[in-house]
Amino acid sequence: MTVIELRAIAALRSVKMPHQSKHPSLAAWLIAAMEVHPDWKLPLEKSADLWFLVWRYRRQITDAEVIAHADELVNGARSLVF
């Protein structure tokens, strides 16, 4: 996993999610994978799940760089600042 992915997964630990959705089980799988195999490359579908969760719960995450990376993935390239 990349450093930004590890930071994103760590940020998901403090996020509150509705129990009736599949989000808590996705987050639990990512957290367990980070703890057991931090050097493992995240499969594409799990990476997509990670960034979806970060984007969905971005208001509860305080790491600005992680949020910016999720925003870039969801909304495309960064806009130019004039």
Protein backbone atom coordinates (compact mmCIF):
# COMPACT_ATOMS: atom_id res chain seq x y z
CA MET A 1 0.00 0.00 0.00
CA THR A 2 1.14 3.51 -0.64
CA VAL A 3 1.67 5.99 2.17
CA ILE A 4 -1.45 7.96 1.21
CA GLU A 5 -3.52 4.74 1.20
CA LEU A 6 -2.21 3.83 4.65
CA ARG A 7 -3.11 7.30 5.92
CA ALA A 8 -6.58 7.05 4.37
CA ILE A 9 -7.22 3.65 5.94
CA ALA A 10 -6.01 4.90 9.31
CA ALA A 11 -8.39 7.86 9.01
CA LEU A 12 -11.33 5.49 8.47
CA ARG A 13 -10.86 4.08 11.99
CA SER A 14 -12.49 7.12 13.58
CA VAL A 15 -15.33 7.48 11.05
CA LYS A 16 -18.87 6.68 12.16
CA MET A 17 -20.87 4.76 9.53
CA PRO A 18 -24.45 3.49 9.45
CA HIS A 19 -24.49 -0.17 10.52
CA GLN A 20 -27.15 -1.17 8.00
CA SER A 21 -24.85 -0.36 5.04
CA LYS A 22 -21.92 -2.38 3.77
CA HIS A 23 -19.52 0.47 4.54
CA PRO A 24 -18.45 -0.75 8.01
CA SER A 25 -17.50 -4.18 6.63
CA LEU A 26 -15.52 -2.59 3.78
CA ALA A 27 -13.68 -0.36 6.23
CA ALA A 28 -13.02 -3.31 8.56
CA TRP A 29 -11.55 -5.33 5.67
CA LEU A 30 -9.27 -2.42 4.69
CA ILE A 31 -8.14 -1.86 8.28
CA ALA A 32 -7.40 -5.57 8.77
CA ALA A 33 -5.46 -5.71 5.50
CA MET A 34 -3.42 -2.68 6.57
CA GLU A 35 -2.58 -4.27 9.91
CA VAL A 36 -1.64 -7.68 8.49
CA HIS A 37 -0.07 -6.73 5.13
CA PRO A 38 0.91 -3.04 5.01
CA ASP A 39 3.36 -3.74 2.16
CA TRP A 40 0.69 -5.43 0.05
CA LYS A 41 -0.53 -3.71 -3.14
CA LEU A 42 -4.23 -2.92 -2.84
CA PRO A 43 -6.32 -4.51 -5.63
CA LEU A 44 -8.06 -2.01 -7.90
CA GLU A 45 -11.56 -2.75 -6.59
CA LYS A 46 -10.45 -2.38 -2.96
CA SER A 47 -8.63 0.84 -3.81
CA ALA A 48 -11.86 2.13 -5.37
CA ASP A 49 -13.74 1.14 -2.20
CA LEU A 50 -11.17 2.96 -0.06
CA TRP A 51 -11.41 6.23 -1.96
CA PHE A 52 -15.20 6.00 -2.16
CA LEU A 53 -15.38 5.65 1.63
CA VAL A 54 -12.94 8.53 2.14
CA TRP A 55 -14.97 10.74 -0.19
CA ARG A 56 -18.30 9.68 1.33
CA TYR A 57 -17.15 10.37 4.91
CA ARG A 58 -14.79 13.27 4.12
CA ARG A 59 -16.45 15.58 6.67
CA GLN A 60 -15.32 13.28 9.48
CA ILE A 61 -11.71 12.97 8.26
CA THR A 62 -9.22 15.61 9.36
CA ASP A 63 -6.28 14.71 7.08
CA ALA A 64 -6.47 17.41 4.37
CA GLU A 65 -4.03 15.66 2.03
CA VAL A 66 -6.09 12.46 2.09
CA ILE A 67 -9.27 14.44 1.35
CA ALA A 68 -7.53 16.31 -1.49
CA HIS A 69 -6.39 13.02 -3.03
CA ALA A 70 -9.92 11.59 -2.82
CA ASP A 71 -11.31 14.78 -4.35
CA GLU A 72 -8.83 14.54 -7.21
CA LEU A 73 -9.83 10.93 -7.88
CA VAL A 74 -13.56 11.62 -7.69
CA ASN A 75 -13.69 14.95 -9.49
CA GLY A 76 -10.74 14.63 -11.86
CA ALA A 77 -7.63 16.77 -12.10
CA ARG A 78 -7.18 19.68 -9.80
CA SER A 79 -8.48 23.01 -11.04
CA LEU A 80 -6.08 25.81 -11.78
CA VAL A 81 -5.81 28.59 -9.23
CA PHE A 82 -5.50 32.08 -10.74
